[in-house]
C-alpha atoms as a PDB file:
ATOM      1  CA  MET A   1      54.730  76.548  60.664  1.00  0.00           C
ATOM      2  CA  THR A   2      51.232  75.274  59.892  1.00  0.00           C
ATOM      3  CA  VAL A   3      50.027  72.131  61.648  1.00  0.00           C
ATOM      4  CA  PHE A   4      48.545  69.602  59.242  1.00  0.00           C
ATOM      5  CA  ASP A   5      45.310  67.902  60.358  1.00  0.00           C
ATOM      6  CA  TYR A   6      45.724  64.177  59.739  1.00  0.00           C
ATOM      7  CA  ASN A   7      42.242  63.583  61.239  1.00  0.00           C
ATOM      8  CA  ALA A   8      40.349  65.487  58.532  1.00  0.00           C
ATOM      9  CA  GLY A   9      38.329  63.466  56.027  1.00  0.00           C
ATOM     10  CA  ALA A  10      39.956  62.882  52.640  1.00  0.00           C
ATOM     11  CA  GLY A  11      39.193  61.678  49.144  1.00  0.00           C
ATOM     12  CA  LEU A  12      41.735  59.764  47.087  1.00  0.00           C
ATOM     13  CA  TYR A  13      41.642  59.848  43.288  1.00  0.00           C
ATOM     14  CA  PRO A  14      44.011  57.137  42.049  1.00  0.00           C
ATOM     15  CA  CYS A  15      45.804  57.645  38.762  1.00  0.00           C
ATOM     16  CA  LYS A  16      43.887  56.365  35.761  1.00  0.00           C
ATOM     17  CA  THR A  17      45.712  53.647  33.897  1.00  0.00           C
ATOM     18  CA  VAL A  18      45.693  52.837  30.195  1.00  0.00           C
ATOM     19  CA  ASN A  19      44.259  49.421  31.025  1.00  0.00           C
ATOM     20  CA  ARG A  20      41.162  50.377  33.002  1.00  0.00           C
ATOM     21  CA  ARG A  21      40.364  46.799  34.018  1.00  0.00           C
ATOM     22  CA  GLY A  22      41.256  46.308  37.663  1.00  0.00           C
ATOM     23  CA  SER A  23      41.989  50.010  38.072  1.00  0.00           C
ATOM     24  CA  LEU A  24      41.092  51.682  41.353  1.00  0.00           C
ATOM     25  CA  GLY A  25      38.462  54.390  41.537  1.00  0.00           C
ATOM     26  CA  TYR A  26      37.712  57.261  43.924  1.00  0.00           C
ATOM     27  CA  LYS A  27      37.825  56.261  47.570  1.00  0.00           C
ATOM     28  CA  ARG A  28      36.701  58.259  50.615  1.00  0.00           C
ATOM     29  CA  PHE A  29      38.512  57.960  53.967  1.00  0.00           C
ATOM     30  CA  ASP A  30      37.528  59.108  57.451  1.00  0.00           C
ATOM     31  CA  SER A  31      41.018  60.543  57.952  1.00  0.00           C
ATOM     32  CA  VAL A  32      43.942  61.787  55.887  1.00  0.00           C
ATOM     33  CA  ALA A  33      46.194  59.392  57.822  1.00  0.00           C
ATOM     34  CA  GLU A  34      44.161  56.376  56.630  1.00  0.00           C
ATOM     35  CA  ALA A  35      44.142  57.676  53.049  1.00  0.00           C
ATOM     36  CA  LEU A  36      47.924  58.134  53.117  1.00  0.00           C
ATOM     37  CA  ARG A  37      48.438  54.672  54.556  1.00  0.00           C
ATOM     38  CA  PHE A  38      46.361  53.154  51.756  1.00  0.00           C
ATOM     39  CA  ALA A  39      48.047  55.216  49.031  1.00  0.00           C
ATOM     40  CA  ILE A  40      51.612  54.478  50.171  1.00  0.00           C
ATOM     41  CA  GLU A  41      51.344  50.971  51.590  1.00  0.00           C
ATOM     42  CA  ASP A  42      48.540  49.273  49.645  1.00  0.00           C
ATOM     43  CA  MET A  43      48.128  50.972  46.292  1.00  0.00           C
ATOM     44  CA  PRO A  44      50.418  49.923  43.420  1.00  0.00           C
ATOM     45  CA  ALA A  45      53.386  52.311  43.229  1.00  0.00           C
ATOM     46  CA  SER A  46      52.681  52.932  39.559  1.00  0.00           C
ATOM     47  CA  LEU A  47      49.384  54.608  40.504  1.00  0.00           C
ATOM     48  CA  LEU A  48      50.765  56.864  43.232  1.00  0.00           C
ATOM     49  CA  ARG A  49      52.641  59.187  40.900  1.00  0.00           C
ATOM     50  CA  GLY A  50      49.478  60.426  39.146  1.00  0.00           C
ATOM     51  CA  SER A  51      47.101  60.193  42.089  1.00  0.00           C
ATOM     52  CA  VAL A  52      45.531  63.115  43.943  1.00  0.00           C
ATOM     53  CA  LEU A  53      44.545  63.363  47.605  1.00  0.00           C
ATOM     54  CA  GLU A  54      41.835  65.936  48.307  1.00  0.00           C
ATOM     55  CA  VAL A  55      41.506  67.360  51.813  1.00  0.00           C
ATOM     56  CA  GLU A  56      38.843  70.040  52.158  1.00  0.00           C
ATOM     57  CA  GLU A  57      39.869  72.584  49.470  1.00  0.00           C
ATOM     58  CA  ALA A  58      43.508  71.417  49.128  1.00  0.00           C
ATOM     59  CA  ARG A  59      44.922  68.860  46.696  1.00  0.00           C
ATOM     60  CA  PHE A  60      48.133  66.863  47.091  1.00  0.00           C
ATOM     61  CA  ASP A  61      50.014  64.923  44.421  1.00  0.00           C
ATOM     62  CA  GLY A  62      51.975  61.681  44.893  1.00  0.00           C
ATOM     63  CA  LEU A  63      55.180  63.387  46.020  1.00  0.00           C
ATOM     64  CA  GLN A  64      53.304  65.527  48.530  1.00  0.00           C
ATOM     65  CA  MET A  65      51.444  62.473  49.834  1.00  0.00           C
ATOM     66  CA  ARG A  66      54.735  60.674  50.361  1.00  0.00           C
ATOM     67  CA  LYS A  67      56.124  63.668  52.243  1.00  0.00           C
ATOM     68  CA  LEU A  68      53.052  63.819  54.520  1.00  0.00           C
ATOM     69  CA  TYR A  69      53.304  60.067  55.141  1.00  0.00           C
ATOM     70  CA  GLU A  70      56.991  60.349  56.078  1.00  0.00           C
ATOM     71  CA  ALA A  71      56.529  63.395  58.334  1.00  0.00           C
ATOM     72  CA  GLU A  72      57.193  62.986  62.051  1.00  0.00           C
ATOM     73  CA  ALA A  73      53.644  64.171  62.742  1.00  0.00           C
ATOM     74  CA  TYR A  74      52.092  61.211  60.844  1.00  0.00           C
ATOM     75  CA  PRO A  75      49.963  59.577  63.591  1.00  0.00           C
ATOM     76  CA  LEU A  76      49.707  55.930  62.464  1.00  0.00           C
ATOM     77  CA  THR A  77      52.261  53.158  62.705  1.00  0.00           C
ATOM     78  CA  ARG A  78      54.019  52.674  59.387  1.00  0.00           C
ATOM     79  CA  ARG A  79      54.799  49.289  57.919  1.00  0.00           C
ATOM     80  CA  PRO A  80      58.475  48.587  57.350  1.00  0.00           C
ATOM     81  CA  GLU A  81      59.410  49.971  53.914  1.00  0.00           C
ATOM     82  CA  THR A  82      60.127  46.485  52.603  1.00  0.00           C
ATOM     83  CA  HIS A  83      56.365  45.826  52.576  1.00  0.00           C
ATOM     84  CA  TYR A  84      55.476  48.472  50.050  1.00  0.00           C
ATOM     85  CA  THR A  85      56.961  49.928  46.915  1.00  0.00           C
ATOM     86  CA  GLY A  86      55.835  53.547  46.958  1.00  0.00           C
ATOM     87  CA  LEU A  87      57.869  56.437  45.640  1.00  0.00           C
ATOM     88  CA  PRO A  88      61.557  56.549  46.573  1.00  0.00           C
ATOM     89  CA  ALA A  89      62.204  57.029  50.271  1.00  0.00           C
ATOM     90  CA  LYS A  90      63.980  60.351  49.763  1.00  0.00           C
ATOM     91  CA  VAL A  91      61.413  62.788  48.409  1.00  0.00           C
ATOM     92  CA  GLU A  92      64.067  65.341  47.469  1.00  0.00           C
ATOM     93  CA  ASN A  93      65.423  62.851  44.892  1.00  0.00           C
ATOM     94  CA  CYS A  94      62.053  62.445  43.175  1.00  0.00           C
ATOM     95  CA  GLU A  95      62.719  65.129  40.581  1.00  0.00           C
ATOM     96  CA  LYS A  96      64.169  62.324  38.441  1.00  0.00           C
ATOM     97  CA  LEU A  97      60.724  60.698  38.291  1.00  0.00           C
ATOM     98  CA  LYS A  98      59.006  63.569  36.496  1.00  0.00           C
ATOM     99  CA  THR A  99      57.956  62.575  33.015  1.00  0.00           C
ATOM    100  CA  LYS A 100      57.261  64.717  30.005  1.00  0.00           C
ATOM    101  CA  GLY A 101      53.693  65.146  28.948  1.00  0.00           C
END
């Protein structure tokens, strides 16, 4: 099993919305853990689904970000789930969220 480096620098590309006013743009983080915390806990849930996290040469979509955030190896303290409205808590049930297009 490969160990994921939560301390690596990361870039977050939030999903572009139809209404670009107030939309978030690219954001650089000193660590993947901080980027995941922002994406899951602070970013509107509607943006997570189409967002991309870039770590070195690898890219992770919203479902993958959620899985990394929920992993036992995640190094930061998580807020109680009632404080954020990210993707559903059970990643394996997220297949229902896929949209056509």
